[in-house]
Amino acid sequence: MTIISPQPTLGQKISSRLPREVNTTVRRLSVLSLIGQTVLIGTGGAVRLTSSGLGCPTWPRCTDGSLVNTPESGIHGVIEFGNRTLTFVLALIAGLMLVYLWNLRKERKDLFLLAVGLLASIPAQAIIGGITVLTGLNPWIVGLHFLVSMALVVFATLLVNRTYGRTGQAMNRRLTAVPAVMAPLMRVVAGFSALAVILGVVVTGAGPHAGDANAPRNGLDWDLVSHFHAVPAYVITAGTLFAFYVVLRRGIRGEFRTSVLLLLVVTVLQAVIGFTQYFNGIPALLVGIHMVCAALLMAAATNTADIARHSPKS
C-alpha cells in the first residue's frame, strides 16, 4: 500500500524558506530601520522649515482630487508628499523584518516584539500626521508626531543591538566590566535626553518655524522655555563627561568605551548647534541639523544605557 505524504501548504513552503536564526538580512533590515527613522525626522524637519506643512492640504489624499502631489502644489507639495512616502518605505522595512523573524517569533521574542512595535507605530504615525494636517499644524500635534518618531529611534536602536548580539538574551560577545554606577548613570542620561527632546518640542511650538505662515503657535514664551530646555542638556553633558572620565581613569575598552565616546561627540555637537542657533536668530538650516542630531542623541544615549545594563559590573 502506497502512503501519499500530504503536500505542504503555501504557508509551510514560505516558512521553510525563511531563516531560523538571525542572519545578515535581519541585521541589515534593523540598520535600515534605524537609518530610515532618522531620515524621516530630517525630512519632517524639512517639511516644517520650508513652510511645506500644508503642501498636501488634506489627508489621506494629498489634495481633494489626487492621492499624490500635483504640479499645482509646487515644491511644497513635493516635500510634504516625499515625507509621507518615506513612511510607507519604513512600513515595508518593518514588515519585511517581521516576515524574516517569523520562524524566530518564540525563540527570539525580544526581536519580534520590537519589530511589531516598529510596524504598529508607523501607521499610528501616519494617522497623527493626518491629524496634524487636518488641524492646520497644531503645534502640540506636530510635537506628538515628532516624539513618536523619537520613540521609534529608540526601538530601532535596541533592535540593532540585539540583532548584532551586542546586548539582550542572545549576546554573542563578552562585554568589558564597568563600574556598577555606570548602569544607573547611563539610564539617567538617557532619561534626561528624552526630557530634553520633549522640552525641545515645546520650544519648537513657541518658535518661528511653524510649517506654514498661518499655523498657530502654543503661546508660550520662547526665550523662557528655551532656558528650561537647556537644563537637561547640562545634566546630559555632565553625566557623559563623568562617564568618559571613568572610562579613561579605569582604562575601560570595548563596546562601552566606544558608546560613551560616541555619546560625548553627539552631545557636544548638539550643544554647539543649540547655542549657535539661539544666538543667531534660529536659522532654519541649523534647526534642521539640531533635529537630526536630537535623533542621534537619543540613539547614542539608548545604546550606551543598553550596553551599560548588559555589561558585567566591577
C-alpha atoms as a PDB file:
ATOM      1  CA  MET A   1       0.000   0.000   0.000  1.00  0.00           C
ATOM      2  CA  THR A   2       1.446   3.334  -1.050  1.00  0.00           C
ATOM      3  CA  ILE A   3       1.290   6.129   1.507  1.00  0.00           C
ATOM      4  CA  ILE A   4       0.955   9.549  -0.031  1.00  0.00           C
ATOM      5  CA  SER A   5       2.544  12.291   2.021  1.00  0.00           C
ATOM      6  CA  PRO A   6       0.416  15.410   2.358  1.00  0.00           C
ATOM      7  CA  GLN A   7       1.569  18.327   0.263  1.00  0.00           C
ATOM      8  CA  PRO A   8       2.927  21.278   2.239  1.00  0.00           C
ATOM      9  CA  THR A   9       0.687  24.295   2.394  1.00  0.00           C
ATOM     10  CA  LEU A  10       1.695  27.661   0.940  1.00  0.00           C
ATOM     11  CA  GLY A  11       2.404  28.922   4.444  1.00  0.00           C
ATOM     12  CA  GLN A  12       4.665  25.953   5.155  1.00  0.00           C
ATOM     13  CA  LYS A  13       6.513  26.485   1.889  1.00  0.00           C
ATOM     14  CA  ILE A  14       7.123  30.142   2.704  1.00  0.00           C
ATOM     15  CA  SER A  15       8.137  29.316   6.281  1.00  0.00           C
ATOM     16  CA  SER A  16      10.670  26.751   5.047  1.00  0.00           C
ATOM     17  CA  ARG A  17      12.433  29.468   3.067  1.00  0.00           C
ATOM     18  CA  LEU A  18      12.656  31.872   5.978  1.00  0.00           C
ATOM     19  CA  PRO A  19      15.713  31.924   8.283  1.00  0.00           C
ATOM     20  CA  ARG A  20      15.740  30.018  11.558  1.00  0.00           C
ATOM     21  CA  GLU A  21      18.471  32.164  13.029  1.00  0.00           C
ATOM     22  CA  VAL A  22      19.343  35.850  12.938  1.00  0.00           C
ATOM     23  CA  ASN A  23      21.142  36.295   9.637  1.00  0.00           C
ATOM     24  CA  THR A  24      22.722  39.096   7.636  1.00  0.00           C
ATOM     25  CA  THR A  25      19.398  40.142   6.078  1.00  0.00           C
ATOM     26  CA  VAL A  26      17.771  40.598   9.505  1.00  0.00           C
ATOM     27  CA  ARG A  27      20.735  42.662  10.700  1.00  0.00           C
ATOM     28  CA  ARG A  28      20.682  44.833   7.597  1.00  0.00           C
ATOM     29  CA  LEU A  29      16.949  45.431   7.953  1.00  0.00           C
ATOM     30  CA  SER A  30      17.448  46.571  11.553  1.00  0.00           C
ATOM     31  CA  VAL A  31      20.127  49.045  10.460  1.00  0.00           C
ATOM     32  CA  LEU A  32      17.931  50.271   7.598  1.00  0.00           C
ATOM     33  CA  SER A  33      15.110  50.805  10.071  1.00  0.00           C
ATOM     34  CA  LEU A  34      17.307  52.966  12.329  1.00  0.00           C
ATOM     35  CA  ILE A  35      18.651  54.956   9.400  1.00  0.00           C
ATOM     36  CA  GLY A  36      15.158  55.357   7.963  1.00  0.00           C
ATOM     37  CA  GLN A  37      13.684  56.632  11.228  1.00  0.00           C
ATOM     38  CA  THR A  38      16.467  59.207  11.486  1.00  0.00           C
ATOM     39  CA  VAL A  39      15.992  60.285   7.871  1.00  0.00           C
ATOM     40  CA  LEU A  40      12.238  60.586   8.483  1.00  0.00           C
ATOM     41  CA  ILE A  41      12.942  63.057  11.282  1.00  0.00           C
ATOM     42  CA  GLY A  42      15.178  65.008   8.905  1.00  0.00           C
ATOM     43  CA  THR A  43      12.564  65.100   6.152  1.00  0.00           C
ATOM     44  CA  GLY A  44       9.878  66.015   8.679  1.00  0.00           C
ATOM     45  CA  GLY A  45      12.079  68.917   9.719  1.00  0.00           C
ATOM     46  CA  ALA A  46      12.449  69.931   6.085  1.00  0.00           C
ATOM     47  CA  VAL A  47       8.647  69.975   5.748  1.00  0.00           C
ATOM     48  CA  ARG A  48       8.294  72.367   8.650  1.00  0.00           C
ATOM     49  CA  LEU A  49      11.343  74.525   7.988  1.00  0.00           C
ATOM     50  CA  THR A  50      10.436  75.129   4.335  1.00  0.00           C
ATOM     51  CA  SER A  51       6.836  76.017   5.260  1.00  0.00           C
ATOM     52  CA  SER A  52       5.648  72.905   3.431  1.00  0.00           C
ATOM     53  CA  GLY A  53       3.482  71.635   6.264  1.00  0.00           C
ATOM     54  CA  LEU A  54       0.354  72.104   4.172  1.00  0.00           C
ATOM     55  CA  GLY A  55       1.977  71.280   0.832  1.00  0.00           C
ATOM     56  CA  CYS A  56      -0.535  68.433   0.828  1.00  0.00           C
ATOM     57  CA  PRO A  57      -3.506  70.270   2.343  1.00  0.00           C
ATOM     58  CA  THR A  58      -5.610  67.208   3.110  1.00  0.00           C
ATOM     59  CA  TRP A  59      -5.277  63.578   4.263  1.00  0.00           C
ATOM     60  CA  PRO A  60      -5.129  60.708   3.360  1.00  0.00           C
ATOM     61  CA  ARG A  61      -5.071  62.192  -0.130  1.00  0.00           C
ATOM     62  CA  CYS A  62      -2.533  64.870  -0.933  1.00  0.00           C
ATOM     63  CA  THR A  63      -5.263  67.060  -2.428  1.00  0.00           C
ATOM     64  CA  ASP A  64      -9.026  66.673  -2.681  1.00  0.00           C
ATOM     65  CA  GLY A  65      -8.651  65.273  -6.190  1.00  0.00           C
ATOM     66  CA  SER A  66      -5.324  63.442  -6.073  1.00  0.00           C
ATOM     67  CA  LEU A  67      -3.672  60.800  -3.910  1.00  0.00           C
ATOM     68  CA  VAL A  68      -0.237  62.185  -4.824  1.00  0.00           C
ATOM     69  CA  ASN A  69       1.098  65.707  -5.124  1.00  0.00           C
ATOM     70  CA  THR A  70       0.236  67.650  -8.272  1.00  0.00           C
ATOM     71  CA  PRO A  71       2.180  70.285 -10.255  1.00  0.00           C
ATOM     72  CA  GLU A  72      -0.103  72.914  -8.729  1.00  0.00           C
ATOM     73  CA  SER A  73       1.256  72.009  -5.280  1.00  0.00           C
ATOM     74  CA  GLY A  74       4.721  73.163  -6.323  1.00  0.00           C
ATOM     75  CA  ILE A  75       7.863  72.365  -4.353  1.00  0.00           C
ATOM     76  CA  HIS A  76       5.941  72.386  -1.054  1.00  0.00           C
ATOM     77  CA  GLY A  77       3.788  69.541  -2.286  1.00  0.00           C
ATOM     78  CA  VAL A  78       6.858  67.577  -3.376  1.00  0.00           C
ATOM     79  CA  ILE A  79       8.498  67.991   0.036  1.00  0.00           C
ATOM     80  CA  GLU A  80       5.383  67.110   2.034  1.00  0.00           C
ATOM     81  CA  PHE A  81       4.425  64.132  -0.141  1.00  0.00           C
ATOM     82  CA  GLY A  82       8.024  62.889  -0.080  1.00  0.00           C
ATOM     83  CA  ASN A  83       7.869  62.801   3.702  1.00  0.00           C
ATOM     84  CA  ARG A  84       4.594  60.864   3.550  1.00  0.00           C
ATOM     85  CA  THR A  85       6.068  58.385   1.070  1.00  0.00           C
ATOM     86  CA  LEU A  86       9.015  57.635   3.349  1.00  0.00           C
ATOM     87  CA  THR A  87       6.556  56.398   5.966  1.00  0.00           C
ATOM     88  CA  PHE A  88       5.448  53.644   3.569  1.00  0.00           C
ATOM     89  CA  VAL A  89       9.093  52.691   2.938  1.00  0.00           C
ATOM     90  CA  LEU A  90       9.640  52.310   6.684  1.00  0.00           C
ATOM     91  CA  ALA A  91       6.470  50.229   6.957  1.00  0.00           C
ATOM     92  CA  LEU A  92       7.819  47.944   4.228  1.00  0.00           C
ATOM     93  CA  ILE A  93      11.132  47.538   6.079  1.00  0.00           C
ATOM     94  CA  ALA A  94       9.333  46.753   9.351  1.00  0.00           C
ATOM     95  CA  GLY A  95       7.025  44.329   7.565  1.00  0.00           C
ATOM     96  CA  LEU A  96       9.959  42.509   5.988  1.00  0.00           C
ATOM     97  CA  MET A  97      11.626  42.335   9.395  1.00  0.00           C
ATOM     98  CA  LEU A  98       8.561  40.585  10.826  1.00  0.00           C
ATOM     99  CA  VAL A  99       8.490  38.155   7.920  1.00  0.00           C
ATOM    100  CA  TYR A 100      12.153  37.266   8.320  1.00  0.00           C
ATOM    101  CA  LEU A 101      11.693  36.847  12.084  1.00  0.00           C
ATOM    102  CA  TRP A 102       8.580  34.681  11.754  1.00  0.00           C
ATOM    103  CA  ASN A 103      10.348  31.387  12.478  1.00  0.00           C
ATOM    104  CA  LEU A 104      12.045  33.056  15.462  1.00  0.00           C
ATOM    105  CA  ARG A 105       8.926  34.633  16.949  1.00  0.00           C
ATOM    106  CA  LYS A 106       9.052  32.341  20.009  1.00  0.00           C
ATOM    107  CA  GLU A 107      12.780  31.788  20.341  1.00  0.00           C
ATOM    108  CA  ARG A 108      13.644  35.485  19.846  1.00  0.00           C
ATOM    109  CA  LYS A 109      10.550  37.143  21.216  1.00  0.00           C
ATOM    110  CA  ASP A 110      12.641  40.209  22.090  1.00  0.00           C
ATOM    111  CA  LEU A 111      13.363  40.879  18.418  1.00  0.00           C
ATOM    112  CA  PHE A 112       9.873  40.002  17.259  1.00  0.00           C
ATOM    113  CA  LEU A 113       8.170  42.341  19.746  1.00  0.00           C
ATOM    114  CA  LEU A 114      10.472  45.231  18.847  1.00  0.00           C
ATOM    115  CA  ALA A 115       9.696  44.659  15.175  1.00  0.00           C
ATOM    116  CA  VAL A 116       5.968  44.540  15.957  1.00  0.00           C
ATOM    117  CA  GLY A 117       6.315  47.818  17.842  1.00  0.00           C
ATOM    118  CA  LEU A 118       8.034  49.446  14.887  1.00  0.00           C
ATOM    119  CA  LEU A 119       5.426  48.239  12.403  1.00  0.00           C
ATOM    120  CA  ALA A 120       2.450  49.113  14.634  1.00  0.00           C
ATOM    121  CA  SER A 121       3.783  52.616  15.332  1.00  0.00           C
ATOM    122  CA  ILE A 122       4.239  53.520  11.680  1.00  0.00           C
ATOM    123  CA  PRO A 123       0.525  53.578  10.745  1.00  0.00           C
ATOM    124  CA  ALA A 124      -0.065  55.378  14.048  1.00  0.00           C
ATOM    125  CA  GLN A 125       2.443  57.965  12.836  1.00  0.00           C
ATOM    126  CA  ALA A 126       0.562  58.285   9.558  1.00  0.00           C
ATOM    127  CA  ILE A 127      -2.695  58.924  11.427  1.00  0.00           C
ATOM    128  CA  ILE A 128      -1.061  61.512  13.697  1.00  0.00           C
ATOM    129  CA  GLY A 129       0.416  63.133  10.604  1.00  0.00           C
ATOM    130  CA  GLY A 130      -3.060  63.259   9.084  1.00  0.00           C
ATOM    131  CA  ILE A 131      -4.477  64.878  12.228  1.00  0.00           C
ATOM    132  CA  THR A 132      -1.609  67.370  12.082  1.00  0.00           C
ATOM    133  CA  VAL A 133      -2.659  68.451   8.588  1.00  0.00           C
ATOM    134  CA  LEU A 134      -6.388  68.452   9.354  1.00  0.00           C
ATOM    135  CA  THR A 135      -5.842  70.653  12.444  1.00  0.00           C
ATOM    136  CA  GLY A 136      -3.822  73.200  10.480  1.00  0.00           C
ATOM    137  CA  LEU A 137      -0.478  72.189  12.041  1.00  0.00           C
ATOM    138  CA  ASN A 138      -1.498  72.416  15.674  1.00  0.00           C
ATOM    139  CA  PRO A 139       1.892  72.682  17.461  1.00  0.00           C
ATOM    140  CA  TRP A 140       1.016  70.093  20.109  1.00  0.00           C
ATOM    141  CA  ILE A 141       0.022  67.520  17.478  1.00  0.00           C
ATOM    142  CA  VAL A 142       3.158  68.344  15.475  1.00  0.00           C
ATOM    143  CA  GLY A 143       5.148  67.777  18.665  1.00  0.00           C
ATOM    144  CA  LEU A 144       3.476  64.420  19.299  1.00  0.00           C
ATOM    145  CA  HIS A 145       4.321  63.407  15.726  1.00  0.00           C
ATOM    146  CA  PHE A 146       7.984  64.165  16.423  1.00  0.00           C
ATOM    147  CA  LEU A 147       8.030  62.386  19.796  1.00  0.00           C
ATOM    148  CA  VAL A 148       6.632  59.163  18.304  1.00  0.00           C
ATOM    149  CA  SER A 149       9.446  59.313  15.745  1.00  0.00           C
ATOM    150  CA  MET A 150      11.922  59.593  18.620  1.00  0.00           C
ATOM    151  CA  ALA A 151      10.384  56.547  20.309  1.00  0.00           C
ATOM    152  CA  LEU A 152      10.827  54.637  17.057  1.00  0.00           C
ATOM    153  CA  VAL A 153      14.503  55.635  17.013  1.00  0.00           C
ATOM    154  CA  VAL A 154      14.828  54.075  20.476  1.00  0.00           C
ATOM    155  CA  PHE A 155      13.096  50.870  19.334  1.00  0.00           C
ATOM    156  CA  ALA A 156      15.281  50.671  16.225  1.00  0.00           C
ATOM    157  CA  THR A 157      18.466  51.209  18.255  1.00  0.00           C
ATOM    158  CA  LEU A 158      17.577  48.358  20.617  1.00  0.00           C
ATOM    159  CA  LEU A 159      16.718  46.188  17.620  1.00  0.00           C
ATOM    160  CA  VAL A 160      20.144  46.819  16.064  1.00  0.00           C
ATOM    161  CA  ASN A 161      21.921  45.945  19.315  1.00  0.00           C
ATOM    162  CA  ARG A 162      20.013  42.706  19.674  1.00  0.00           C
ATOM    163  CA  THR A 163      20.256  41.530  16.084  1.00  0.00           C
ATOM    164  CA  TYR A 164      24.023  42.001  16.250  1.00  0.00           C
ATOM    165  CA  GLY A 165      24.214  40.200  19.595  1.00  0.00           C
ATOM    166  CA  ARG A 166      25.688  43.176  21.413  1.00  0.00           C
ATOM    167  CA  THR A 167      23.013  43.060  24.142  1.00  0.00           C
ATOM    168  CA  GLY A 168      19.921  41.076  25.017  1.00  0.00           C
ATOM    169  CA  GLN A 169      19.167  37.414  25.588  1.00  0.00           C
ATOM    170  CA  ALA A 170      21.408  36.148  22.769  1.00  0.00           C
ATOM    171  CA  MET A 171      24.621  38.116  23.279  1.00  0.00           C
ATOM    172  CA  ASN A 172      27.438  36.671  21.210  1.00  0.00           C
ATOM    173  CA  ARG A 173      30.286  38.565  22.873  1.00  0.00           C
ATOM    174  CA  ARG A 174      31.608  39.255  26.337  1.00  0.00           C
ATOM    175  CA  LEU A 175      31.398  42.916  27.250  1.00  0.00           C
ATOM    176  CA  THR A 176      34.092  44.617  29.316  1.00  0.00           C
ATOM    177  CA  ALA A 177      33.254  45.045  33.010  1.00  0.00           C
ATOM    178  CA  VAL A 178      32.201  48.560  34.052  1.00  0.00           C
ATOM    179  CA  PRO A 179      31.723  50.153  37.496  1.00  0.00           C
ATOM    180  CA  ALA A 180      28.294  49.412  38.957  1.00  0.00           C
ATOM    181  CA  VAL A 181      27.393  53.108  38.938  1.00  0.00           C
ATOM    182  CA  MET A 182      27.552  53.264  35.148  1.00  0.00           C
ATOM    183  CA  ALA A 183      24.268  51.438  34.507  1.00  0.00           C
ATOM    184  CA  PRO A 184      22.060  53.789  36.581  1.00  0.00           C
ATOM    185  CA  LEU A 185      24.054  56.818  35.413  1.00  0.00           C
ATOM    186  CA  MET A 186      23.511  55.993  31.761  1.00  0.00           C
ATOM    187  CA  ARG A 187      19.813  55.392  32.401  1.00  0.00           C
ATOM    188  CA  VAL A 188      19.648  58.882  33.922  1.00  0.00           C
ATOM    189  CA  VAL A 189      21.445  60.335  30.886  1.00  0.00           C
ATOM    190  CA  ALA A 190      19.016  58.549  28.553  1.00  0.00           C
ATOM    191  CA  GLY A 191      16.064  59.771  30.610  1.00  0.00           C
ATOM    192  CA  PHE A 192      17.265  63.370  30.521  1.00  0.00           C
ATOM    193  CA  SER A 193      17.895  63.005  26.776  1.00  0.00           C
ATOM    194  CA  ALA A 194      14.219  62.148  26.395  1.00  0.00           C
ATOM    195  CA  LEU A 195      13.288  65.115  28.623  1.00  0.00           C
ATOM    196  CA  ALA A 196      15.449  67.426  26.521  1.00  0.00           C
ATOM    197  CA  VAL A 197      13.655  66.218  23.399  1.00  0.00           C
ATOM    198  CA  ILE A 198      10.231  66.785  24.997  1.00  0.00           C
ATOM    199  CA  LEU A 199      11.145  70.309  26.088  1.00  0.00           C
ATOM    200  CA  GLY A 200      12.653  70.902  22.650  1.00  0.00           C
ATOM    201  CA  VAL A 201       9.217  70.154  21.198  1.00  0.00           C
ATOM    202  CA  VAL A 202       7.715  72.811  23.475  1.00  0.00           C
ATOM    203  CA  VAL A 203      10.382  75.309  22.373  1.00  0.00           C
ATOM    204  CA  THR A 204       9.657  74.500  18.737  1.00  0.00           C
ATOM    205  CA  GLY A 205       5.944  75.032  19.282  1.00  0.00           C
ATOM    206  CA  ALA A 206       6.672  78.528  20.599  1.00  0.00           C
ATOM    207  CA  GLY A 207       9.251  79.405  17.934  1.00  0.00           C
ATOM    208  CA  PRO A 208       9.013  80.894  14.467  1.00  0.00           C
ATOM    209  CA  HIS A 209       9.228  77.796  12.245  1.00  0.00           C
ATOM    210  CA  ALA A 210       5.607  76.685  12.253  1.00  0.00           C
ATOM    211  CA  GLY A 211       5.445  74.833   8.935  1.00  0.00           C
ATOM    212  CA  ASP A 212       3.079  77.347   7.394  1.00  0.00           C
ATOM    213  CA  ALA A 213       2.616  81.112   7.587  1.00  0.00           C
ATOM    214  CA  ASN A 214      -0.856  80.718   9.134  1.00  0.00           C
ATOM    215  CA  ALA A 215      -0.066  77.842  11.505  1.00  0.00           C
ATOM    216  CA  PRO A 216      -0.786  78.521  15.195  1.00  0.00           C
ATOM    217  CA  ARG A 217       1.841  78.683  17.956  1.00  0.00           C
ATOM    218  CA  ASN A 218       1.484  77.350  21.503  1.00  0.00           C
ATOM    219  CA  GLY A 219       1.556  80.845  23.020  1.00  0.00           C
ATOM    220  CA  LEU A 220       4.452  80.207  25.433  1.00  0.00           C
ATOM    221  CA  ASP A 221       7.442  82.494  25.915  1.00  0.00           C
ATOM    222  CA  TRP A 222      10.022  81.063  23.512  1.00  0.00           C
ATOM    223  CA  ASP A 223      13.038  82.503  25.344  1.00  0.00           C
ATOM    224  CA  LEU A 224      11.872  81.207  28.723  1.00  0.00           C
ATOM    225  CA  VAL A 225      11.146  77.658  27.583  1.00  0.00           C
ATOM    226  CA  SER A 226      14.497  77.641  25.758  1.00  0.00           C
ATOM    227  CA  HIS A 227      16.218  78.066  29.116  1.00  0.00           C
ATOM    228  CA  PHE A 228      14.174  75.211  30.595  1.00  0.00           C
ATOM    229  CA  HIS A 229      15.178  73.111  27.568  1.00  0.00           C
ATOM    230  CA  ALA A 230      18.859  73.768  28.321  1.00  0.00           C
ATOM    231  CA  VAL A 231      18.687  72.340  31.878  1.00  0.00           C
ATOM    232  CA  PRO A 232      18.505  68.625  30.915  1.00  0.00           C
ATOM    233  CA  ALA A 233      21.179  69.294  28.296  1.00  0.00           C
ATOM    234  CA  TYR A 234      23.526  70.353  31.111  1.00  0.00           C
ATOM    235  CA  VAL A 235      22.729  67.141  33.017  1.00  0.00           C
ATOM    236  CA  ILE A 236      23.364  65.032  29.898  1.00  0.00           C
ATOM    237  CA  THR A 237      26.709  66.756  29.317  1.00  0.00           C
ATOM    238  CA  ALA A 238      27.799  66.392  32.949  1.00  0.00           C
ATOM    239  CA  GLY A 239      26.797  62.717  33.092  1.00  0.00           C
ATOM    240  CA  THR A 240      28.515  61.905  29.807  1.00  0.00           C
ATOM    241  CA  LEU A 241      31.700  63.745  30.800  1.00  0.00           C
ATOM    242  CA  PHE A 242      31.792  61.831  34.093  1.00  0.00           C
ATOM    243  CA  ALA A 243      31.320  58.523  32.263  1.00  0.00           C
ATOM    244  CA  PHE A 244      34.118  59.446  29.869  1.00  0.00           C
ATOM    245  CA  TYR A 245      36.370  60.327  32.828  1.00  0.00           C
ATOM    246  CA  VAL A 246      35.675  56.930  34.415  1.00  0.00           C
ATOM    247  CA  VAL A 247      36.380  55.177  31.114  1.00  0.00           C
ATOM    248  CA  LEU A 248      39.775  56.899  30.843  1.00  0.00           C
ATOM    249  CA  ARG A 249      40.613  56.508  34.537  1.00  0.00           C
ATOM    250  CA  ARG A 250      39.760  52.792  34.635  1.00  0.00           C
ATOM    251  CA  GLY A 251      41.148  52.052  31.178  1.00  0.00           C
ATOM    252  CA  ILE A 252      37.811  50.568  30.077  1.00  0.00           C
ATOM    253  CA  ARG A 253      37.805  49.396  26.485  1.00  0.00           C
ATOM    254  CA  GLY A 254      35.414  47.680  24.138  1.00  0.00           C
ATOM    255  CA  GLU A 255      31.774  48.441  23.423  1.00  0.00           C
ATOM    256  CA  PHE A 256      31.145  50.669  26.431  1.00  0.00           C
ATOM    257  CA  ARG A 257      34.135  52.903  25.754  1.00  0.00           C
ATOM    258  CA  THR A 258      33.065  53.320  22.120  1.00  0.00           C
ATOM    259  CA  SER A 259      29.464  54.070  23.065  1.00  0.00           C
ATOM    260  CA  VAL A 260      30.456  56.698  25.641  1.00  0.00           C
ATOM    261  CA  LEU A 261      32.839  58.384  23.204  1.00  0.00           C
ATOM    262  CA  LEU A 262      30.114  58.468  20.541  1.00  0.00           C
ATOM    263  CA  LEU A 263      27.616  59.871  23.043  1.00  0.00           C
ATOM    264  CA  LEU A 264      30.096  62.565  24.078  1.00  0.00           C
ATOM    265  CA  VAL A 265      30.701  63.618  20.469  1.00  0.00           C
ATOM    266  CA  VAL A 266      26.963  63.844  19.719  1.00  0.00           C
ATOM    267  CA  THR A 267      26.277  65.683  22.988  1.00  0.00           C
ATOM    268  CA  VAL A 268      28.956  68.313  22.350  1.00  0.00           C
ATOM    269  CA  LEU A 269      27.859  68.724  18.732  1.00  0.00           C
ATOM    270  CA  GLN A 270      24.231  69.129  19.770  1.00  0.00           C
ATOM    271  CA  ALA A 271      25.178  71.702  22.425  1.00  0.00           C
ATOM    272  CA  VAL A 272      27.254  73.735  19.950  1.00  0.00           C
ATOM    273  CA  ILE A 273      24.423  73.720  17.404  1.00  0.00           C
ATOM    274  CA  GLY A 274      21.862  74.649  20.065  1.00  0.00           C
ATOM    275  CA  PHE A 275      23.809  77.632  21.371  1.00  0.00           C
ATOM    276  CA  THR A 276      24.729  78.767  17.858  1.00  0.00           C
ATOM    277  CA  GLN A 277      21.131  78.784  16.653  1.00  0.00           C
ATOM    278  CA  TYR A 278      19.949  80.506  19.845  1.00  0.00           C
ATOM    279  CA  PHE A 279      22.371  83.415  19.449  1.00  0.00           C
ATOM    280  CA  ASN A 280      21.922  83.728  15.664  1.00  0.00           C
ATOM    281  CA  GLY A 281      18.189  84.137  15.243  1.00  0.00           C
ATOM    282  CA  ILE A 282      17.279  80.443  14.898  1.00  0.00           C
ATOM    283  CA  PRO A 283      18.257  79.904  11.234  1.00  0.00           C
ATOM    284  CA  ALA A 284      16.225  77.144   9.602  1.00  0.00           C
ATOM    285  CA  LEU A 285      19.221  75.090   8.477  1.00  0.00           C
ATOM    286  CA  LEU A 286      20.645  74.866  11.994  1.00  0.00           C
ATOM    287  CA  VAL A 287      17.222  73.974  13.379  1.00  0.00           C
ATOM    288  CA  GLY A 288      17.033  71.091  10.903  1.00  0.00           C
ATOM    289  CA  ILE A 289      20.503  69.860  11.862  1.00  0.00           C
ATOM    290  CA  HIS A 290      19.546  70.198  15.531  1.00  0.00           C
ATOM    291  CA  MET A 291      16.532  67.934  14.935  1.00  0.00           C
ATOM    292  CA  VAL A 292      18.589  65.229  13.243  1.00  0.00           C
ATOM    293  CA  CYS A 293      21.215  65.441  15.993  1.00  0.00           C
ATOM    294  CA  ALA A 294      18.417  65.004  18.545  1.00  0.00           C
ATOM    295  CA  ALA A 295      17.663  61.657  16.908  1.00  0.00           C
ATOM    296  CA  LEU A 296      21.359  60.771  17.003  1.00  0.00           C
ATOM    297  CA  LEU A 297      21.486  61.779  20.673  1.00  0.00           C
ATOM    298  CA  MET A 298      18.544  59.522  21.547  1.00  0.00           C
ATOM    299  CA  ALA A 299      20.138  56.641  19.639  1.00  0.00           C
ATOM    300  CA  ALA A 300      23.535  57.188  21.297  1.00  0.00           C
ATOM    301  CA  ALA A 301      22.054  57.551  24.796  1.00  0.00           C
ATOM    302  CA  THR A 302      19.891  54.452  24.328  1.00  0.00           C
ATOM    303  CA  ASN A 303      22.863  52.480  23.019  1.00  0.00           C
ATOM    304  CA  THR A 304      25.098  53.486  25.946  1.00  0.00           C
ATOM    305  CA  ALA A 305      22.429  52.725  28.557  1.00  0.00           C
ATOM    306  CA  ASP A 306      21.707  49.368  26.904  1.00  0.00           C
ATOM    307  CA  ILE A 307      25.366  48.353  26.849  1.00  0.00           C
ATOM    308  CA  ALA A 308      25.944  49.526  30.434  1.00  0.00           C
ATOM    309  CA  ARG A 309      22.958  47.475  31.576  1.00  0.00           C
ATOM    310  CA  HIS A 310      24.290  44.280  29.985  1.00  0.00           C
ATOM    311  CA  SER A 311      27.956  44.773  30.912  1.00  0.00           C
ATOM    312  CA  PRO A 312      29.457  42.860  33.866  1.00  0.00           C
ATOM    313  CA  LYS A 313      29.868  45.043  36.951  1.00  0.00           C
ATOM    314  CA  SER A 314      33.256  45.655  38.552  1.00  0.00           C
END
